[in-house]
Amino acid sequence: MGFDLNNAINDNVDKAKDTVNDKAGKEVVNDDHAQQAKDTINDAAGKLSERFGK
């Protein structure tokens, strides 16, 4: 079983969202913000994978 980059990205963005919201004591990062970050990061990772191989 190999390393799943997209899953790792999604999990860590969710953890970051939860951490920020916990520290702020309110929801400052919502699910839409997190999804935008996931989409941007996964797109960049996909481009790198295409360029440098999988």
PDB file of N, CA and C in Angstrom:
ATOM      1  N   MET A   1       0.840  -1.175   0.000  1.00  0.00           N
ATOM      2  CA  MET A   1       0.000   0.000   0.000  1.00  0.00           C
ATOM      3  C   MET A   1       0.889   1.244   0.000  1.00  0.00           C
ATOM      4  N   GLY A   2       0.665   2.142  -0.936  1.00  0.00           N
ATOM      5  CA  GLY A   2       1.482   3.337  -1.062  1.00  0.00           C
ATOM      6  C   GLY A   2       0.934   4.503  -0.273  1.00  0.00           C
ATOM      7  N   PHE A   3       1.672   5.556  -0.328  1.00  0.00           N
ATOM      8  CA  PHE A   3       1.299   6.786   0.357  1.00  0.00           C
ATOM      9  C   PHE A   3       0.234   7.508  -0.458  1.00  0.00           C
ATOM     10  N   ASP A   4      -0.864   7.857   0.164  1.00  0.00           N
ATOM     11  CA  ASP A   4      -1.958   8.562  -0.502  1.00  0.00           C
ATOM     12  C   ASP A   4      -1.850  10.048  -0.187  1.00  0.00           C
ATOM     13  N   LEU A   5      -1.249  10.791  -1.105  1.00  0.00           N
ATOM     14  CA  LEU A   5      -1.000  12.216  -0.894  1.00  0.00           C
ATOM     15  C   LEU A   5      -2.292  13.006  -0.716  1.00  0.00           C
ATOM     16  N   ASN A   6      -3.286  12.738  -1.552  1.00  0.00           N
ATOM     17  CA  ASN A   6      -4.542  13.494  -1.456  1.00  0.00           C
ATOM     18  C   ASN A   6      -5.224  13.280  -0.113  1.00  0.00           C
ATOM     19  N   ASN A   7      -5.212  12.049   0.367  1.00  0.00           N
ATOM     20  CA  ASN A   7      -5.818  11.757   1.666  1.00  0.00           C
ATOM     21  C   ASN A   7      -5.062  12.467   2.785  1.00  0.00           C
ATOM     22  N   ALA A   8      -3.738  12.462   2.698  1.00  0.00           N
ATOM     23  CA  ALA A   8      -2.921  13.144   3.707  1.00  0.00           C
ATOM     24  C   ALA A   8      -3.192  14.649   3.702  1.00  0.00           C
ATOM     25  N   ILE A   9      -3.306  15.219   2.520  1.00  0.00           N
ATOM     26  CA  ILE A   9      -3.600  16.653   2.406  1.00  0.00           C
ATOM     27  C   ILE A   9      -4.955  16.957   3.039  1.00  0.00           C
ATOM     28  N   ASN A  10      -5.966  16.188   2.671  1.00  0.00           N
ATOM     29  CA  ASN A  10      -7.314  16.434   3.186  1.00  0.00           C
ATOM     30  C   ASN A  10      -7.369  16.298   4.702  1.00  0.00           C
ATOM     31  N   ASP A  11      -6.724  15.262   5.238  1.00  0.00           N
ATOM     32  CA  ASP A  11      -6.715  15.063   6.688  1.00  0.00           C
ATOM     33  C   ASP A  11      -6.040  16.215   7.410  1.00  0.00           C
ATOM     34  N   ASN A  12      -4.921  16.675   6.863  1.00  0.00           N
ATOM     35  CA  ASN A  12      -4.185  17.743   7.538  1.00  0.00           C
ATOM     36  C   ASN A  12      -4.853  19.099   7.414  1.00  0.00           C
ATOM     37  N   VAL A  13      -5.530  19.361   6.318  1.00  0.00           N
ATOM     38  CA  VAL A  13      -6.304  20.606   6.208  1.00  0.00           C
ATOM     39  C   VAL A  13      -7.436  20.598   7.236  1.00  0.00           C
ATOM     40  N   ASP A  14      -8.095  19.460   7.391  1.00  0.00           N
ATOM     41  CA  ASP A  14      -9.158  19.358   8.394  1.00  0.00           C
ATOM     42  C   ASP A  14      -8.614  19.556   9.812  1.00  0.00           C
ATOM     43  N   LYS A  15      -7.451  18.981  10.089  1.00  0.00           N
ATOM     44  CA  LYS A  15      -6.825  19.165  11.411  1.00  0.00           C
ATOM     45  C   LYS A  15      -6.460  20.625  11.638  1.00  0.00           C
ATOM     46  N   ALA A  16      -5.932  21.262  10.608  1.00  0.00           N
ATOM     47  CA  ALA A  16      -5.563  22.679  10.723  1.00  0.00           C
ATOM     48  C   ALA A  16      -6.790  23.545  10.968  1.00  0.00           C
ATOM     49  N   LYS A  17      -7.869  23.248  10.246  1.00  0.00           N
ATOM     50  CA  LYS A  17      -9.123  23.997  10.430  1.00  0.00           C
ATOM     51  C   LYS A  17      -9.610  23.870  11.868  1.00  0.00           C
ATOM     52  N   ASP A  18      -9.608  22.654  12.382  1.00  0.00           N
ATOM     53  CA  ASP A  18     -10.058  22.419  13.752  1.00  0.00           C
ATOM     54  C   ASP A  18      -9.161  23.124  14.764  1.00  0.00           C
ATOM     55  N   THR A  19      -7.859  23.096  14.540  1.00  0.00           N
ATOM     56  CA  THR A  19      -6.909  23.744  15.450  1.00  0.00           C
ATOM     57  C   THR A  19      -7.122  25.249  15.484  1.00  0.00           C
ATOM     58  N   VAL A  20      -7.261  25.848  14.307  1.00  0.00           N
ATOM     59  CA  VAL A  20      -7.481  27.302  14.242  1.00  0.00           C
ATOM     60  C   VAL A  20      -8.775  27.672  14.952  1.00  0.00           C
ATOM     61  N   ASN A  21      -9.831  26.934  14.675  1.00  0.00           N
ATOM     62  CA  ASN A  21     -11.122  27.235  15.293  1.00  0.00           C
ATOM     63  C   ASN A  21     -11.079  27.026  16.803  1.00  0.00           C
ATOM     64  N   ASP A  22     -10.385  25.987  17.264  1.00  0.00           N
ATOM     65  CA  ASP A  22     -10.251  25.759  18.707  1.00  0.00           C
ATOM     66  C   ASP A  22      -9.483  26.897  19.377  1.00  0.00           C
ATOM     67  N   LYS A  23      -8.393  27.318  18.740  1.00  0.00           N
ATOM     68  CA  LYS A  23      -7.583  28.409  19.319  1.00  0.00           C
ATOM     69  C   LYS A  23      -8.360  29.723  19.338  1.00  0.00           C
ATOM     70  N   ALA A  24      -9.155  29.955  18.305  1.00  0.00           N
ATOM     71  CA  ALA A  24      -9.921  31.196  18.224  1.00  0.00           C
ATOM     72  C   ALA A  24     -11.147  31.160  19.125  1.00  0.00           C
ATOM     73  N   GLY A  25     -11.589  29.974  19.490  1.00  0.00           N
ATOM     74  CA  GLY A  25     -12.777  29.846  20.318  1.00  0.00           C
ATOM     75  C   GLY A  25     -14.075  30.053  19.559  1.00  0.00           C
ATOM     76  N   LYS A  26     -13.979  30.080  18.252  1.00  0.00           N
ATOM     77  CA  LYS A  26     -15.156  30.210  17.393  1.00  0.00           C
ATOM     78  C   LYS A  26     -14.778  29.747  16.000  1.00  0.00           C
ATOM     79  N   GLU A  27     -15.769  29.628  15.130  1.00  0.00           N
ATOM     80  CA  GLU A  27     -15.483  29.182  13.770  1.00  0.00           C
ATOM     81  C   GLU A  27     -15.018  30.355  12.919  1.00  0.00           C
ATOM     82  N   VAL A  28     -13.721  30.389  12.661  1.00  0.00           N
ATOM     83  CA  VAL A  28     -13.172  31.401  11.758  1.00  0.00           C
ATOM     84  C   VAL A  28     -12.817  30.780  10.414  1.00  0.00           C
ATOM     85  N   VAL A  29     -12.573  29.475  10.417  1.00  0.00           N
ATOM     86  CA  VAL A  29     -12.340  28.725   9.184  1.00  0.00           C
ATOM     87  C   VAL A  29     -13.500  27.750   9.038  1.00  0.00           C
ATOM     88  N   ASN A  30     -14.295  27.946   7.988  1.00  0.00           N
ATOM     89  CA  ASN A  30     -15.449  27.059   7.800  1.00  0.00           C
ATOM     90  C   ASN A  30     -15.133  25.976   6.774  1.00  0.00           C
ATOM     91  N   ASP A  31     -16.090  25.118   6.522  1.00  0.00           N
ATOM     92  CA  ASP A  31     -15.891  24.005   5.590  1.00  0.00           C
ATOM     93  C   ASP A  31     -15.592  24.485   4.172  1.00  0.00           C
ATOM     94  N   ASP A  32     -16.181  25.607   3.770  1.00  0.00           N
ATOM     95  CA  ASP A  32     -15.909  26.143   2.433  1.00  0.00           C
ATOM     96  C   ASP A  32     -14.456  26.581   2.306  1.00  0.00           C
ATOM     97  N   HIS A  33     -13.936  27.247   3.341  1.00  0.00           N
ATOM     98  CA  HIS A  33     -12.529  27.652   3.338  1.00  0.00           C
ATOM     99  C   HIS A  33     -11.626  26.432   3.238  1.00  0.00           C
ATOM    100  N   ALA A  34     -11.927  25.424   4.043  1.00  0.00           N
ATOM    101  CA  ALA A  34     -11.122  24.207   4.046  1.00  0.00           C
ATOM    102  C   ALA A  34     -11.171  23.523   2.684  1.00  0.00           C
ATOM    103  N   GLN A  35     -12.334  23.478   2.063  1.00  0.00           N
ATOM    104  CA  GLN A  35     -12.442  22.839   0.747  1.00  0.00           C
ATOM    105  C   GLN A  35     -11.649  23.601  -0.303  1.00  0.00           C
ATOM    106  N   GLN A  36     -11.661  24.926  -0.243  1.00  0.00           N
ATOM    107  CA  GLN A  36     -10.868  25.730  -1.178  1.00  0.00           C
ATOM    108  C   GLN A  36      -9.383  25.424  -1.009  1.00  0.00           C
ATOM    109  N   ALA A  37      -8.927  25.306   0.235  1.00  0.00           N
ATOM    110  CA  ALA A  37      -7.524  24.981   0.496  1.00  0.00           C
ATOM    111  C   ALA A  37      -7.193  23.592  -0.037  1.00  0.00           C
ATOM    112  N   LYS A  38      -8.076  22.621   0.215  1.00  0.00           N
ATOM    113  CA  LYS A  38      -7.848  21.256  -0.275  1.00  0.00           C
ATOM    114  C   LYS A  38      -7.756  21.236  -1.800  1.00  0.00           C
ATOM    115  N   ASP A  39      -8.668  21.929  -2.453  1.00  0.00           N
ATOM    116  CA  ASP A  39      -8.677  21.947  -3.916  1.00  0.00           C
ATOM    117  C   ASP A  39      -7.392  22.559  -4.465  1.00  0.00           C
ATOM    118  N   THR A  40      -6.966  23.665  -3.873  1.00  0.00           N
ATOM    119  CA  THR A  40      -5.757  24.343  -4.332  1.00  0.00           C
ATOM    120  C   THR A  40      -4.523  23.473  -4.120  1.00  0.00           C
ATOM    121  N   ILE A  41      -4.405  22.896  -2.938  1.00  0.00           N
ATOM    122  CA  ILE A  41      -3.243  22.067  -2.624  1.00  0.00           C
ATOM    123  C   ILE A  41      -3.239  20.798  -3.473  1.00  0.00           C
ATOM    124  N   ASN A  42      -4.380  20.143  -3.605  1.00  0.00           N
ATOM    125  CA  ASN A  42      -4.442  18.919  -4.412  1.00  0.00           C
ATOM    126  C   ASN A  42      -4.142  19.211  -5.879  1.00  0.00           C
ATOM    127  N   ASP A  43      -4.565  20.355  -6.386  1.00  0.00           N
ATOM    128  CA  ASP A  43      -4.265  20.738  -7.762  1.00  0.00           C
ATOM    129  C   ASP A  43      -2.760  20.922  -7.938  1.00  0.00           C
ATOM    130  N   ALA A  44      -2.132  21.620  -7.001  1.00  0.00           N
ATOM    131  CA  ALA A  44      -0.686  21.836  -7.075  1.00  0.00           C
ATOM    132  C   ALA A  44       0.068  20.513  -6.957  1.00  0.00           C
ATOM    133  N   ALA A  45      -0.367  19.645  -6.067  1.00  0.00           N
ATOM    134  CA  ALA A  45       0.280  18.342  -5.902  1.00  0.00           C
ATOM    135  C   ALA A  45       0.122  17.508  -7.169  1.00  0.00           C
ATOM    136  N   GLY A  46      -1.037  17.575  -7.784  1.00  0.00           N
ATOM    137  CA  GLY A  46      -1.262  16.849  -9.034  1.00  0.00           C
ATOM    138  C   GLY A  46      -0.340  17.330 -10.140  1.00  0.00           C
ATOM    139  N   LYS A  47      -0.147  18.634 -10.232  1.00  0.00           N
ATOM    140  CA  LYS A  47       0.749  19.188 -11.244  1.00  0.00           C
ATOM    141  C   LYS A  47       2.187  18.751 -10.996  1.00  0.00           C
ATOM    142  N   LEU A  48       2.602  18.722  -9.729  1.00  0.00           N
ATOM    143  CA  LEU A  48       3.942  18.250  -9.402  1.00  0.00           C
ATOM    144  C   LEU A  48       4.114  16.776  -9.741  1.00  0.00           C
ATOM    145  N   SER A  49       3.095  15.987  -9.440  1.00  0.00           N
ATOM    146  CA  SER A  49       3.143  14.553  -9.757  1.00  0.00           C
ATOM    147  C   SER A  49       3.263  14.323 -11.258  1.00  0.00           C
ATOM    148  N   GLU A  50       2.517  15.101 -12.031  1.00  0.00           N
ATOM    149  CA  GLU A  50       2.590  14.983 -13.481  1.00  0.00           C
ATOM    150  C   GLU A  50       3.963  15.365 -13.997  1.00  0.00           C
ATOM    151  N   ARG A  51       4.530  16.393 -13.398  1.00  0.00           N
ATOM    152  CA  ARG A  51       5.820  16.897 -13.866  1.00  0.00           C
ATOM    153  C   ARG A  51       6.979  15.985 -13.482  1.00  0.00           C
ATOM    154  N   PHE A  52       6.936  15.453 -12.271  1.00  0.00           N
ATOM    155  CA  PHE A  52       8.064  14.686 -11.769  1.00  0.00           C
ATOM    156  C   PHE A  52       7.791  13.185 -11.663  1.00  0.00           C
ATOM    157  N   GLY A  53       6.642  12.750 -12.111  1.00  0.00           N
ATOM    158  CA  GLY A  53       6.311  11.331 -12.051  1.00  0.00           C
ATOM    159  C   GLY A  53       5.665  10.973 -10.742  1.00  0.00           C
ATOM    160  N   LYS A  54       5.038   9.812 -10.701  1.00  0.00           N
ATOM    161  CA  LYS A  54       4.301   9.404  -9.508  1.00  0.00           C
ATOM    162  C   LYS A  54       5.130   8.579  -8.637  1.00  0.00           C
TER     163      LYS A  54
END
